[in-house]
């Protein structure tokens, strides 16, 4: 699975880790994140991320 980087703050969503602070389990691909998921550090939406 691919990692995705926030274009605003450079946070990297790593599907191997997930987002435990927001109840996103490890193994959850970026595409499978809820539509209303936001970047944990800066709060922008998924549209502000690019695949790395």
N, C-alpha and C. Protein backbone atom coordinates (compact mmCIF):
# COMPACT_ATOMS: atom_id res chain seq x y z
N UNK A 1 0.84 -1.19 0.00
CA UNK A 1 0.00 0.00 0.00
C UNK A 1 0.88 1.25 0.00
N UNK A 2 0.38 2.27 -0.67
CA UNK A 2 1.14 3.51 -0.82
C UNK A 2 0.93 4.45 0.36
N UNK A 3 1.97 5.21 0.67
CA UNK A 3 1.87 6.29 1.64
C UNK A 3 1.46 7.56 0.92
N UNK A 4 0.85 8.47 1.66
CA UNK A 4 0.38 9.75 1.10
C UNK A 4 0.89 10.88 1.97
N UNK A 5 1.29 11.98 1.34
CA UNK A 5 1.87 13.12 2.04
C UNK A 5 0.95 14.34 1.93
N UNK A 6 0.75 15.02 3.06
CA UNK A 6 -0.04 16.25 3.07
C UNK A 6 0.77 17.36 2.41
N UNK A 7 0.14 18.05 1.47
CA UNK A 7 0.81 19.13 0.76
C UNK A 7 0.91 20.40 1.61
N UNK A 8 0.17 20.47 2.69
CA UNK A 8 0.17 21.66 3.54
C UNK A 8 1.23 21.56 4.63
N UNK A 9 1.26 20.42 5.35
CA UNK A 9 2.16 20.33 6.51
C UNK A 9 3.20 19.21 6.42
N UNK A 10 3.16 18.41 5.36
CA UNK A 10 4.12 17.33 5.11
C UNK A 10 3.89 16.09 5.99
N UNK A 11 2.75 16.01 6.69
CA UNK A 11 2.40 14.79 7.41
C UNK A 11 2.29 13.65 6.41
N UNK A 12 2.78 12.47 6.79
CA UNK A 12 2.69 11.30 5.93
C UNK A 12 1.72 10.29 6.54
N UNK A 13 0.68 9.95 5.77
CA UNK A 13 -0.22 8.88 6.18
C UNK A 13 0.39 7.57 5.70
N UNK A 14 0.74 6.72 6.65
CA UNK A 14 1.33 5.41 6.35
C UNK A 14 0.28 4.35 6.68
N UNK A 15 -0.22 3.64 5.67
CA UNK A 15 -1.27 2.65 5.93
C UNK A 15 -0.82 1.52 6.86
N UNK A 16 0.47 1.27 6.95
CA UNK A 16 0.95 0.23 7.86
C UNK A 16 0.73 0.64 9.32
N UNK A 17 0.65 1.94 9.57
CA UNK A 17 0.44 2.47 10.92
C UNK A 17 -1.02 2.86 11.13
N UNK A 18 -1.67 3.37 10.08
CA UNK A 18 -3.03 3.87 10.22
C UNK A 18 -3.01 5.22 10.92
N UNK A 19 -4.07 5.54 11.62
CA UNK A 19 -4.18 6.78 12.38
C UNK A 19 -4.85 6.43 13.71
N UNK A 20 -4.07 5.86 14.63
CA UNK A 20 -4.67 5.36 15.87
C UNK A 20 -5.38 6.43 16.70
N UNK A 21 -4.94 7.68 16.61
CA UNK A 21 -5.60 8.75 17.37
C UNK A 21 -7.02 9.02 16.88
N UNK A 22 -7.31 8.60 15.64
CA UNK A 22 -8.64 8.79 15.06
C UNK A 22 -9.33 7.48 14.72
N UNK A 23 -8.92 6.41 15.42
CA UNK A 23 -9.54 5.08 15.29
C UNK A 23 -9.44 4.49 13.88
N UNK A 24 -8.36 4.83 13.16
CA UNK A 24 -8.10 4.21 11.86
C UNK A 24 -7.10 3.09 12.08
N UNK A 25 -7.53 1.87 11.82
CA UNK A 25 -6.72 0.69 12.08
C UNK A 25 -5.53 0.58 11.13
N UNK A 26 -4.41 0.00 11.61
CA UNK A 26 -3.30 -0.32 10.70
C UNK A 26 -3.82 -1.20 9.57
N UNK A 27 -3.28 -0.99 8.38
CA UNK A 27 -3.70 -1.75 7.22
C UNK A 27 -4.79 -1.06 6.42
N UNK A 28 -5.25 0.12 6.86
CA UNK A 28 -6.29 0.86 6.14
C UNK A 28 -5.63 1.70 5.04
N UNK A 29 -5.97 1.42 3.79
CA UNK A 29 -5.40 2.19 2.69
C UNK A 29 -5.95 3.61 2.69
N UNK A 30 -5.22 4.52 2.08
CA UNK A 30 -5.65 5.92 2.01
C UNK A 30 -7.01 6.01 1.33
N UNK A 31 -7.20 5.24 0.29
CA UNK A 31 -8.46 5.25 -0.45
C UNK A 31 -9.64 4.81 0.41
N UNK A 32 -9.38 3.99 1.42
CA UNK A 32 -10.44 3.48 2.28
C UNK A 32 -10.70 4.35 3.52
N UNK A 33 -9.94 5.45 3.66
CA UNK A 33 -10.22 6.37 4.77
C UNK A 33 -11.59 7.00 4.54
N UNK A 34 -12.31 7.32 5.62
CA UNK A 34 -13.61 7.98 5.45
C UNK A 34 -13.46 9.30 4.68
N UNK A 35 -14.48 9.67 3.94
CA UNK A 35 -14.44 10.91 3.16
C UNK A 35 -14.23 12.14 4.03
N UNK A 36 -14.65 12.06 5.28
CA UNK A 36 -14.51 13.22 6.17
C UNK A 36 -13.24 13.18 7.02
N UNK A 37 -12.34 12.21 6.74
CA UNK A 37 -11.06 12.15 7.45
C UNK A 37 -10.26 13.40 7.16
N UNK A 38 -9.58 13.93 8.18
CA UNK A 38 -8.74 15.11 7.99
C UNK A 38 -7.33 14.83 8.48
N UNK A 39 -6.40 15.60 7.98
CA UNK A 39 -5.00 15.49 8.36
C UNK A 39 -4.88 15.75 9.87
N UNK A 40 -4.30 14.81 10.63
CA UNK A 40 -4.22 15.00 12.08
C UNK A 40 -3.52 16.29 12.52
N UNK A 41 -2.37 16.65 11.95
CA UNK A 41 -1.72 17.87 12.44
C UNK A 41 -2.37 19.18 12.00
N UNK A 42 -2.85 19.25 10.74
CA UNK A 42 -3.27 20.56 10.24
C UNK A 42 -4.74 20.67 9.87
N UNK A 43 -5.46 19.55 9.75
CA UNK A 43 -6.90 19.60 9.56
C UNK A 43 -7.42 19.74 8.14
N UNK A 44 -6.55 19.63 7.13
CA UNK A 44 -7.05 19.70 5.75
C UNK A 44 -7.62 18.35 5.33
N UNK A 45 -8.42 18.35 4.27
CA UNK A 45 -9.05 17.13 3.78
C UNK A 45 -8.13 16.29 2.90
N UNK A 46 -8.65 15.12 2.53
CA UNK A 46 -7.89 14.16 1.73
C UNK A 46 -7.43 14.73 0.38
N UNK A 47 -8.17 15.73 -0.13
CA UNK A 47 -7.81 16.30 -1.44
C UNK A 47 -6.48 17.04 -1.41
N UNK A 48 -5.95 17.31 -0.22
CA UNK A 48 -4.68 18.02 -0.09
C UNK A 48 -3.50 17.06 0.07
N UNK A 49 -3.69 15.80 -0.26
CA UNK A 49 -2.63 14.78 -0.15
C UNK A 49 -2.20 14.31 -1.53
N UNK A 50 -0.92 13.89 -1.62
CA UNK A 50 -0.43 13.28 -2.85
C UNK A 50 0.28 11.96 -2.50
N UNK A 51 0.18 11.02 -3.42
CA UNK A 51 0.82 9.71 -3.24
C UNK A 51 2.33 9.89 -3.31
N UNK A 52 3.05 9.22 -2.41
CA UNK A 52 4.52 9.27 -2.45
C UNK A 52 5.10 7.89 -2.59
